[in-house]
């Protein structure tokens, strides 16, 4: 677990260097608050995958989405819409199609996990999810990189996967906001 934490921190530091050196932009990584690096380890094969959130349209194409994640995504959509609250004021916001108000297939941990699942093939099912380990960092936050919890969307998509990070069952501000502790 320390190996993965060290690796994602190193990669996030590298991305910070790319931004400060003018070779990448904050917006290209997802913006100041949404810039996230993720590293996923396939504990059975030893393969490692890395991804970043990127811009809102940097999402996994439907035809590239592994069947396990596709089923879970559809289950999330079927269970929606989801109530949202402003995390600072408690004010009710418009409902969204997903538990967290962002596109799940844009998130770094989903991109990195999807790649490793596809490398294994379509025969991988939910029972193999504990063979993967995720670590996620906020890349550009002040004082960062800092560990990032999996959002409520990602928590549902990566169910069963081991994580160095906490996982949010609902977003901050939601009356049922719950944090699931990571295995770290």
Foldseek 3Di string as FASTA:
>chain_A
DVVQVVVQQVVLVVVVVCCVVVNDHCQQQPHQFQRKKKWKAQQVPRDIFIFGLGHQPPFDDPVLAAPLLVVLVVVQQVPDFEWDADLPPLHTDDTDSGLDNGDPRSHTQRVGVSVVNVVVNNVDHLVSLCSMEMWMFSRNYVVDRDTDAAELSVCSSSPNYAYCHWHWVGDRSDPPTDIHGGPD
